[in-house]
Amino acid sequence: SPAEQRAELDRLRAAALGEEPTDDPVLEAFAEVCERSGIPDEDVHSFVDAMESDIDTDRYETYADLEAYM
C-alpha cells in the first residue's frame, strides 16, 4: 500500500543518513560513503523524496515538471 511504501522509504532514509542502525550492508556502505565523501543530507533527502513521489506520480504534465523531478 502507499502508506507501507512511505514507511519503508522513511526507514531507508534514516538508515542511509546513518540516523538508524541497519543490518543491510548496502545501506551501511552508502551511509559511510556519504559521510566520508561529504555528500550533504539534502542530496539524500532529494533522492528519497523523488522515490516517494513515484508512489503517486507516474506522469508529468510538462517537461519542466519532469526536469524538476529529475
N, C-alpha and C. Protein backbone atom coordinates (compact mmCIF):
# COMPACT_ATOMS: atom_id res chain seq x y z
N SER A 1 0.85 -1.18 0.00
CA SER A 1 0.00 0.00 0.00
C SER A 1 0.90 1.25 0.00
N PRO A 2 0.38 2.38 -0.44
CA PRO A 2 1.17 3.61 -0.40
C PRO A 2 1.69 3.96 1.00
N ALA A 3 0.90 3.72 2.02
CA ALA A 3 1.35 4.02 3.38
C ALA A 3 2.53 3.14 3.77
N GLU A 4 2.47 1.87 3.40
CA GLU A 4 3.59 0.96 3.69
C GLU A 4 4.83 1.34 2.90
N GLN A 5 4.64 1.76 1.67
CA GLN A 5 5.78 2.19 0.85
C GLN A 5 6.44 3.43 1.45
N ARG A 6 5.63 4.37 1.91
CA ARG A 6 6.18 5.58 2.54
C ARG A 6 6.93 5.23 3.82
N ALA A 7 6.38 4.33 4.62
CA ALA A 7 7.04 3.91 5.86
C ALA A 7 8.38 3.25 5.55
N GLU A 8 8.43 2.43 4.53
CA GLU A 8 9.68 1.78 4.15
C GLU A 8 10.70 2.81 3.66
N LEU A 9 10.26 3.79 2.89
CA LEU A 9 11.17 4.84 2.44
C LEU A 9 11.69 5.66 3.62
N ASP A 10 10.86 5.90 4.61
CA ASP A 10 11.31 6.61 5.82
C ASP A 10 12.39 5.81 6.52
N ARG A 11 12.21 4.49 6.59
CA ARG A 11 13.20 3.61 7.21
C ARG A 11 14.51 3.65 6.42
N LEU A 12 14.39 3.56 5.10
CA LEU A 12 15.57 3.59 4.24
C LEU A 12 16.29 4.93 4.35
N ARG A 13 15.54 6.00 4.40
CA ARG A 13 16.12 7.34 4.51
C ARG A 13 16.94 7.44 5.80
N ALA A 14 16.35 7.01 6.91
CA ALA A 14 17.05 7.09 8.19
C ALA A 14 18.32 6.25 8.18
N ALA A 15 18.26 5.07 7.60
CA ALA A 15 19.44 4.22 7.53
C ALA A 15 20.49 4.82 6.60
N ALA A 16 20.07 5.36 5.47
CA ALA A 16 21.01 5.95 4.52
C ALA A 16 21.72 7.16 5.11
N LEU A 17 21.03 7.87 5.99
CA LEU A 17 21.61 9.05 6.63
C LEU A 17 22.41 8.68 7.88
N GLY A 18 22.42 7.39 8.22
CA GLY A 18 23.14 6.94 9.41
C GLY A 18 22.43 7.30 10.70
N GLU A 19 21.14 7.62 10.61
CA GLU A 19 20.37 8.00 11.80
C GLU A 19 19.82 6.79 12.55
N GLU A 20 19.67 5.70 11.85
CA GLU A 20 19.14 4.47 12.44
C GLU A 20 20.06 3.32 12.08
N PRO A 21 20.23 2.37 12.98
CA PRO A 21 21.06 1.21 12.65
C PRO A 21 20.36 0.34 11.60
N THR A 22 21.18 -0.35 10.83
CA THR A 22 20.63 -1.24 9.82
C THR A 22 21.54 -2.46 9.70
N ASP A 23 20.95 -3.58 9.31
CA ASP A 23 21.76 -4.76 9.05
C ASP A 23 21.94 -4.96 7.55
N ASP A 24 21.52 -3.96 6.78
CA ASP A 24 21.67 -4.01 5.32
C ASP A 24 23.05 -3.49 4.95
N PRO A 25 23.91 -4.35 4.40
CA PRO A 25 25.28 -3.91 4.10
C PRO A 25 25.35 -2.80 3.05
N VAL A 26 24.39 -2.75 2.15
CA VAL A 26 24.39 -1.69 1.13
C VAL A 26 24.09 -0.34 1.78
N LEU A 27 23.10 -0.30 2.66
CA LEU A 27 22.78 0.96 3.34
C LEU A 27 23.90 1.38 4.28
N GLU A 28 24.53 0.43 4.94
CA GLU A 28 25.68 0.76 5.79
C GLU A 28 26.79 1.38 4.95
N ALA A 29 27.09 0.77 3.82
CA ALA A 29 28.15 1.29 2.95
C ALA A 29 27.78 2.66 2.40
N PHE A 30 26.51 2.82 2.02
CA PHE A 30 26.06 4.12 1.49
C PHE A 30 26.24 5.21 2.53
N ALA A 31 25.82 4.96 3.77
CA ALA A 31 25.95 5.95 4.83
C ALA A 31 27.43 6.29 5.05
N GLU A 32 28.28 5.29 5.00
CA GLU A 32 29.72 5.52 5.17
C GLU A 32 30.29 6.37 4.03
N VAL A 33 29.89 6.07 2.80
CA VAL A 33 30.36 6.84 1.65
C VAL A 33 29.89 8.29 1.75
N CYS A 34 28.66 8.49 2.15
CA CYS A 34 28.14 9.85 2.30
C CYS A 34 28.96 10.63 3.32
N GLU A 35 29.23 9.99 4.44
CA GLU A 35 30.00 10.66 5.49
C GLU A 35 31.42 10.94 5.03
N ARG A 36 32.06 9.95 4.46
CA ARG A 36 33.46 10.10 4.04
C ARG A 36 33.61 11.10 2.89
N SER A 37 32.63 11.12 1.99
CA SER A 37 32.73 11.97 0.80
C SER A 37 32.07 13.33 0.98
N GLY A 38 31.44 13.54 2.11
CA GLY A 38 30.81 14.84 2.36
C GLY A 38 29.55 15.06 1.54
N ILE A 39 28.85 13.98 1.21
CA ILE A 39 27.58 14.13 0.48
C ILE A 39 26.56 14.73 1.45
N PRO A 40 26.00 15.87 1.10
CA PRO A 40 25.08 16.53 2.03
C PRO A 40 23.79 15.74 2.24
N ASP A 41 23.27 15.80 3.45
CA ASP A 41 22.00 15.14 3.77
C ASP A 41 20.90 15.59 2.82
N GLU A 42 20.95 16.87 2.39
CA GLU A 42 19.91 17.38 1.50
C GLU A 42 19.85 16.58 0.19
N ASP A 43 21.00 16.12 -0.29
CA ASP A 43 21.01 15.33 -1.52
C ASP A 43 20.34 13.97 -1.30
N VAL A 44 20.58 13.39 -0.15
CA VAL A 44 19.93 12.12 0.17
C VAL A 44 18.43 12.33 0.28
N HIS A 45 18.03 13.40 0.95
CA HIS A 45 16.60 13.70 1.07
C HIS A 45 15.97 13.89 -0.31
N SER A 46 16.64 14.62 -1.18
CA SER A 46 16.10 14.84 -2.54
C SER A 46 15.90 13.53 -3.28
N PHE A 47 16.87 12.64 -3.15
CA PHE A 47 16.79 11.35 -3.83
C PHE A 47 15.62 10.52 -3.30
N VAL A 48 15.50 10.43 -1.98
CA VAL A 48 14.41 9.64 -1.40
C VAL A 48 13.07 10.32 -1.67
N ASP A 49 13.03 11.64 -1.64
CA ASP A 49 11.79 12.36 -1.97
C ASP A 49 11.33 12.04 -3.39
N ALA A 50 12.28 11.92 -4.31
CA ALA A 50 11.92 11.57 -5.69
C ALA A 50 11.33 10.17 -5.75
N MET A 51 11.91 9.24 -4.99
CA MET A 51 11.34 7.89 -4.95
C MET A 51 9.95 7.92 -4.34
N GLU A 52 9.76 8.75 -3.31
CA GLU A 52 8.45 8.85 -2.68
C GLU A 52 7.41 9.40 -3.65
N SER A 53 7.82 10.35 -4.48
CA SER A 53 6.87 10.91 -5.44
C SER A 53 6.43 9.86 -6.46
N ASP A 54 7.26 8.84 -6.66
CA ASP A 54 6.89 7.76 -7.59
C ASP A 54 5.69 6.95 -7.09
N ILE A 55 5.41 7.02 -5.81
CA ILE A 55 4.28 6.27 -5.26
C ILE A 55 2.98 6.76 -5.86
N ASP A 56 2.86 8.08 -6.02
CA ASP A 56 1.61 8.66 -6.50
C ASP A 56 1.67 9.21 -7.92
N THR A 57 2.86 9.41 -8.44
CA THR A 57 3.00 10.09 -9.73
C THR A 57 3.66 9.17 -10.74
N ASP A 58 3.02 9.00 -11.87
CA ASP A 58 3.64 8.20 -12.93
C ASP A 58 3.70 8.96 -14.25
N ARG A 59 3.30 10.23 -14.18
CA ARG A 59 3.31 11.05 -15.39
C ARG A 59 3.41 12.51 -15.00
N TYR A 60 4.16 13.27 -15.80
CA TYR A 60 4.32 14.69 -15.55
C TYR A 60 3.68 15.46 -16.70
N GLU A 61 3.00 16.52 -16.35
CA GLU A 61 2.24 17.29 -17.34
C GLU A 61 3.14 18.04 -18.31
N THR A 62 4.28 18.53 -17.80
CA THR A 62 5.16 19.31 -18.66
C THR A 62 6.59 18.78 -18.53
N TYR A 63 7.40 19.14 -19.50
CA TYR A 63 8.80 18.75 -19.44
C TYR A 63 9.49 19.43 -18.27
N ALA A 64 9.09 20.65 -17.96
CA ALA A 64 9.67 21.36 -16.81
C ALA A 64 9.38 20.60 -15.51
N ASP A 65 8.18 20.05 -15.39
CA ASP A 65 7.85 19.24 -14.23
C ASP A 65 8.73 18.00 -14.16
N LEU A 66 8.96 17.37 -15.29
CA LEU A 66 9.82 16.20 -15.34
C LEU A 66 11.25 16.56 -14.96
N GLU A 67 11.74 17.68 -15.45
CA GLU A 67 13.08 18.12 -15.11
C GLU A 67 13.21 18.39 -13.61
N ALA A 68 12.20 18.97 -13.01
CA ALA A 68 12.22 19.24 -11.58
C ALA A 68 12.30 17.91 -10.81
N TYR A 69 11.61 16.91 -11.28
CA TYR A 69 11.65 15.59 -10.66
C TYR A 69 13.04 14.98 -10.78
N MET A 70 13.64 15.12 -11.96
CA MET A 70 14.96 14.53 -12.18
C MET A 70 16.02 15.25 -11.40
